[in-house]
């Protein structure tokens, strides 16, 4: 079953419009996440906006965007002013133009999303736009509000669906020549090149997602599971004969964590 869509709206090309749904193409759901805790009480910590000078909490209705002119001088922009320069619709992907797919360098691609028709009626118009882009090897360019920010997006046909990539703006991309221009352009020694080629051939593998698993995440989950088991056990009654074993358990868990990480490293080298 496909995950629930986080965005629903319309895909429009001139007079052709259809209902669409969008979902992130990647997920961090399986990653271990943490909250900051007050160690003294065990309670979660709450974040609040505080005035940098008075150190007093600021109410939500008093929060505004400010453009810094200097360290202590800002131009304050009201919500209405920001809305006036934003997109008219936050729920329509209006394709402004088409460009050859190969013209967009990899570095401009940011985050991928899956776009699908939202109902059976929308499938025909969706399929026409998708297949026409695929046949011409073109991608669509549009603007869209995502994650509370206006973004440029690229629509790329992929199989029966469309992948929507958020794009980095031009002023966000650094020129590679600023970093690579000082590297010596002379060709490397032919013998060394051949040896490296042999190493590459020996280590060649068929691509599989398991090749990029995160060993630290696995170790963290093992550590958390061990602590959970310990926490779920009934606390022993305080008697003279039963001494708490907290220190020993903590040490054994840390040892297990270290051994897990070492085993993962050794396994990675063997592969």
Protein backbone atom coordinates (compact mmCIF):
# COMPACT_ATOMS: atom_id res chain seq x y z
CA UNK A 1 0.00 0.00 0.00
CA UNK A 2 1.39 3.41 -1.03
CA UNK A 3 2.03 5.96 1.75
CA UNK A 4 -0.54 8.71 2.18
CA UNK A 5 0.01 11.78 -0.01
CA UNK A 6 1.16 14.92 1.80
CA UNK A 7 0.04 17.32 -0.98
CA UNK A 8 -3.03 17.42 -3.24
CA UNK A 9 -3.89 19.94 -5.93
CA UNK A 10 -3.92 20.39 -9.70
CA UNK A 11 -1.51 19.89 -12.59
CA UNK A 12 -2.14 22.42 -15.35
CA UNK A 13 -0.74 22.88 -18.84
CA UNK A 14 -2.55 25.68 -20.67
CA UNK A 15 -6.21 24.56 -20.66
CA UNK A 16 -5.47 20.96 -19.66
CA UNK A 17 -6.00 20.44 -15.93
CA UNK A 18 -6.24 17.38 -13.72
CA UNK A 19 -6.29 16.57 -10.03
CA UNK A 20 -2.99 15.20 -8.70
CA UNK A 21 -1.47 13.96 -5.46
CA UNK A 22 2.17 14.12 -4.40
CA UNK A 23 4.26 12.21 -1.86
CA UNK A 24 7.98 12.37 -0.97
CA UNK A 25 10.06 9.82 -2.90
CA UNK A 26 12.34 9.27 0.10
CA UNK A 27 11.71 8.82 3.80
CA UNK A 28 13.57 9.16 7.11
CA UNK A 29 10.87 7.30 9.03
CA UNK A 30 13.18 4.37 9.80
CA UNK A 31 15.91 6.65 11.14
CA UNK A 32 16.33 6.94 14.89
CA UNK A 33 15.17 10.36 16.07
CA UNK A 34 15.63 11.97 19.47
CA UNK A 35 14.04 14.62 21.64
CA UNK A 36 15.95 16.77 24.09
CA UNK A 37 15.19 15.72 27.66
CA UNK A 38 15.72 17.32 31.05
CA UNK A 39 17.94 14.72 32.66
CA UNK A 40 16.96 15.81 36.18
CA UNK A 41 13.21 15.27 35.65
CA UNK A 42 13.03 13.07 32.56
CA UNK A 43 10.63 15.55 30.92
CA UNK A 44 10.90 16.76 27.31
CA UNK A 45 12.26 20.27 26.68
CA UNK A 46 10.00 22.85 25.02
CA UNK A 47 11.44 25.36 22.54
CA UNK A 48 10.21 28.97 22.62
CA UNK A 49 11.01 32.20 20.80
CA UNK A 50 12.74 34.65 23.13
CA UNK A 51 13.55 38.32 22.54
CA UNK A 52 17.32 38.49 22.03
CA UNK A 53 17.63 41.67 24.16
CA UNK A 54 14.90 41.50 26.81
CA UNK A 55 15.11 37.68 27.09
CA UNK A 56 11.30 37.59 27.44
CA UNK A 57 9.13 35.08 25.52
CA UNK A 58 7.50 36.43 22.33
CA UNK A 59 3.85 35.68 21.48
CA UNK A 60 3.03 34.11 18.11
CA UNK A 61 1.07 37.17 16.94
CA UNK A 62 4.16 39.35 17.45
CA UNK A 63 6.49 37.24 15.27
CA UNK A 64 7.51 38.86 11.97
CA UNK A 65 10.12 38.35 9.25
CA UNK A 66 13.06 40.76 9.33
CA UNK A 67 15.70 41.49 6.68
CA UNK A 68 19.01 42.44 8.38
CA UNK A 69 20.60 45.72 7.28
CA UNK A 70 23.16 45.46 10.06
CA UNK A 71 23.63 43.47 13.24
CA UNK A 72 20.91 45.40 15.11
CA UNK A 73 18.90 47.04 12.31
CA UNK A 74 16.17 45.18 10.41
CA UNK A 75 13.52 45.90 7.80
CA UNK A 76 10.32 44.31 9.12
CA UNK A 77 8.02 42.69 6.55
CA UNK A 78 4.37 42.14 7.40
CA UNK A 79 2.58 38.90 6.48
CA UNK A 80 0.39 40.76 3.96
CA UNK A 81 3.47 42.15 2.19
CA UNK A 82 4.99 38.68 1.86
CA UNK A 83 1.71 37.24 0.58
CA UNK A 84 1.54 39.95 -2.10
CA UNK A 85 4.74 38.69 -3.78
CA UNK A 86 3.97 34.98 -3.32
CA UNK A 87 2.31 32.65 -5.82
CA UNK A 88 -1.39 33.24 -6.39
CA UNK A 89 -2.19 29.59 -5.85
CA UNK A 90 -0.43 27.18 -3.55
CA UNK A 91 -2.34 24.19 -4.93
CA UNK A 92 -1.64 24.34 -8.66
CA UNK A 93 1.43 23.11 -10.52
CA UNK A 94 1.22 25.38 -13.56
CA UNK A 95 3.87 24.28 -16.09
CA UNK A 96 5.49 27.50 -17.34
CA UNK A 97 7.97 26.04 -19.83
CA UNK A 98 9.74 22.93 -21.10
CA UNK A 99 13.49 22.36 -21.40
CA UNK A 100 15.62 19.39 -22.56
CA UNK A 101 16.23 17.03 -19.62
CA UNK A 102 19.98 16.90 -20.23
CA UNK A 103 20.25 20.68 -19.90
CA UNK A 104 19.61 20.54 -16.13
CA UNK A 105 22.76 19.55 -14.26
CA UNK A 106 22.57 17.08 -11.38
CA UNK A 107 23.61 19.71 -8.85
CA UNK A 108 20.34 21.61 -9.31
CA UNK A 109 18.25 18.59 -8.25
CA UNK A 110 17.25 18.81 -4.61
CA UNK A 111 14.38 16.61 -3.32
CA UNK A 112 12.32 14.09 -5.28
CA UNK A 113 8.54 13.54 -5.01
CA UNK A 114 6.15 11.15 -6.73
CA UNK A 115 3.24 12.79 -8.60
CA UNK A 116 0.18 10.69 -9.46
CA UNK A 117 -3.37 11.33 -10.74
CA UNK A 118 -5.73 11.75 -7.78
CA UNK A 119 -8.72 10.00 -9.36
CA UNK A 120 -9.71 7.97 -12.43
CA UNK A 121 -11.02 11.02 -14.29
CA UNK A 122 -7.61 12.70 -13.98
CA UNK A 123 -5.68 9.77 -15.45
CA UNK A 124 -6.27 10.63 -19.11
CA UNK A 125 -5.05 14.24 -18.91
CA UNK A 126 -2.18 13.18 -16.62
CA UNK A 127 -1.09 10.45 -19.07
CA UNK A 128 -1.17 12.82 -22.06
CA UNK A 129 1.12 15.35 -20.34
CA UNK A 130 3.44 12.60 -19.07
CA UNK A 131 3.78 10.75 -22.38
CA UNK A 132 4.23 13.93 -24.42
CA UNK A 133 7.16 14.96 -22.22
CA UNK A 134 8.68 11.47 -22.45
CA UNK A 135 8.36 11.37 -26.25
CA UNK A 136 10.12 14.72 -26.65
CA UNK A 137 12.71 14.04 -23.91
CA UNK A 138 11.60 17.25 -22.22
CA UNK A 139 10.87 18.15 -18.61
CA UNK A 140 8.46 20.75 -17.32
CA UNK A 141 9.43 23.71 -15.14
CA UNK A 142 6.99 25.25 -12.66
CA UNK A 143 6.82 27.02 -9.31
CA UNK A 144 5.19 25.64 -6.20
CA UNK A 145 4.80 26.28 -2.47
CA UNK A 146 6.39 23.35 -0.62
CA UNK A 147 7.61 23.13 2.96
CA UNK A 148 6.47 26.73 3.62
CA UNK A 149 8.62 28.11 0.84
CA UNK A 150 8.20 28.94 -2.84
CA UNK A 151 10.31 26.63 -4.95
CA UNK A 152 11.14 26.00 -8.58
CA UNK A 153 10.31 22.42 -9.55
CA UNK A 154 11.11 20.11 -12.45
CA UNK A 155 8.53 17.57 -13.65
CA UNK A 156 10.16 14.46 -15.13
CA UNK A 157 8.15 11.55 -16.61
CA UNK A 158 9.09 8.26 -14.97
CA UNK A 159 7.28 5.03 -15.85
CA UNK A 160 3.54 5.47 -15.27
CA UNK A 161 4.05 8.54 -13.08
CA UNK A 162 5.90 11.84 -12.87
CA UNK A 163 8.76 12.70 -10.54
CA UNK A 164 8.69 16.25 -9.20
CA UNK A 165 12.16 17.50 -8.25
CA UNK A 166 12.54 20.65 -6.22
CA UNK A 167 15.35 22.67 -7.80
CA UNK A 168 18.06 24.73 -6.19
CA UNK A 169 18.08 28.34 -7.38
CA UNK A 170 21.03 29.60 -9.41
CA UNK A 171 22.45 31.65 -6.54
CA UNK A 172 22.50 28.52 -4.35
CA UNK A 173 24.86 26.59 -6.64
CA UNK A 174 28.60 27.18 -6.43
CA UNK A 175 30.80 27.02 -9.53
CA UNK A 176 32.89 23.83 -9.54
CA UNK A 177 35.75 25.63 -11.31
CA UNK A 178 36.31 27.73 -8.19
CA UNK A 179 37.43 24.51 -6.48
CA UNK A 180 38.80 22.32 -9.29
CA UNK A 181 40.73 24.86 -11.38
CA UNK A 182 43.98 24.54 -9.35
CA UNK A 183 44.17 20.76 -9.71
CA UNK A 184 46.98 19.66 -12.03
CA UNK A 185 45.51 18.70 -15.43
CA UNK A 186 48.38 16.37 -16.34
CA UNK A 187 47.39 12.76 -17.04
CA UNK A 188 48.31 10.24 -14.30
CA UNK A 189 50.94 7.52 -14.77
CA UNK A 190 49.63 4.77 -17.07
CA UNK A 191 50.84 1.94 -14.78
CA UNK A 192 49.18 3.49 -11.74
CA UNK A 193 46.00 3.97 -13.75
CA UNK A 194 46.03 0.30 -14.75
CA UNK A 195 46.49 -0.83 -11.13
CA UNK A 196 43.60 1.33 -9.95
CA UNK A 197 41.53 -0.09 -12.80
CA UNK A 198 42.27 -3.60 -11.52
CA UNK A 199 41.16 -2.62 -8.01
CA UNK A 200 37.95 -1.15 -9.40
CA UNK A 201 37.24 -4.34 -11.34
CA UNK A 202 37.85 -6.52 -8.26
CA UNK A 203 35.48 -4.45 -6.13
CA UNK A 204 32.75 -4.09 -8.75
CA UNK A 205 29.28 -5.03 -7.45
CA UNK A 206 25.74 -5.04 -8.79
CA UNK A 207 23.84 -2.11 -7.27
CA UNK A 208 21.61 -2.98 -4.33
CA UNK A 209 20.08 -0.57 -1.75
CA UNK A 210 21.59 -2.68 1.04
CA UNK A 211 25.03 -1.45 -0.06
CA UNK A 212 24.28 1.94 1.50
CA UNK A 213 22.76 0.85 4.81
CA UNK A 214 23.67 2.92 7.86
CA UNK A 215 25.51 0.74 10.45
CA UNK A 216 25.24 3.46 13.11
CA UNK A 217 21.42 3.38 12.87
CA UNK A 218 21.47 -0.38 13.38
CA UNK A 219 23.68 -0.02 16.46
CA UNK A 220 21.50 2.76 17.87
CA UNK A 221 18.38 0.60 17.50
CA UNK A 222 20.14 -2.27 19.30
CA UNK A 223 21.16 0.08 22.11
CA UNK A 224 17.63 1.48 22.45
CA UNK A 225 16.10 -2.02 22.42
CA UNK A 226 18.47 -3.13 25.19
CA UNK A 227 17.59 -0.09 27.31
CA UNK A 228 13.87 -0.66 26.65
CA UNK A 229 14.11 -4.26 27.88
CA UNK A 230 15.90 -3.10 30.98
CA UNK A 231 13.32 -0.37 31.63
CA UNK A 232 10.38 -2.78 31.21
CA UNK A 233 11.63 -5.12 33.91
CA UNK A 234 10.12 -4.63 37.34
CA UNK A 235 12.38 -2.68 39.66
CA UNK A 236 13.87 -4.98 42.32
CA UNK A 237 12.84 -4.45 45.91
CA UNK A 238 15.37 -2.58 47.98
CA UNK A 239 16.89 -5.16 50.31
CA UNK A 240 20.31 -5.62 51.75
CA UNK A 241 20.86 -8.74 49.65
CA UNK A 242 20.01 -7.20 46.24
CA UNK A 243 22.33 -4.46 45.07
CA UNK A 244 21.49 -2.41 41.99
CA UNK A 245 23.26 -3.57 38.82
CA UNK A 246 22.88 -0.32 36.85
CA UNK A 247 26.59 0.32 36.31
CA UNK A 248 27.24 -3.24 35.08
CA UNK A 249 24.31 -3.15 32.65
CA UNK A 250 25.37 0.19 31.22
CA UNK A 251 28.89 -1.08 30.64
CA UNK A 252 27.62 -4.27 28.94
CA UNK A 253 25.34 -2.27 26.64
CA UNK A 254 28.20 0.04 25.65
CA UNK A 255 30.42 -2.99 25.05
CA UNK A 256 27.73 -4.50 22.84
CA UNK A 257 27.43 -1.22 20.94
CA UNK A 258 31.17 -0.99 20.38
CA UNK A 259 31.32 -4.62 19.24
CA UNK A 260 28.39 -4.05 16.88
CA UNK A 261 30.10 -1.07 15.27
CA UNK A 262 33.39 -2.99 14.97
CA UNK A 263 31.59 -5.95 13.40
CA UNK A 264 29.86 -3.67 10.91
CA UNK A 265 33.18 -2.08 9.94
CA UNK A 266 34.86 -5.49 9.48
CA UNK A 267 31.91 -6.76 7.48
CA UNK A 268 32.06 -3.69 5.22
CA UNK A 269 35.76 -4.25 4.49
CA UNK A 270 35.17 -7.92 3.74
CA UNK A 271 32.46 -7.08 1.20
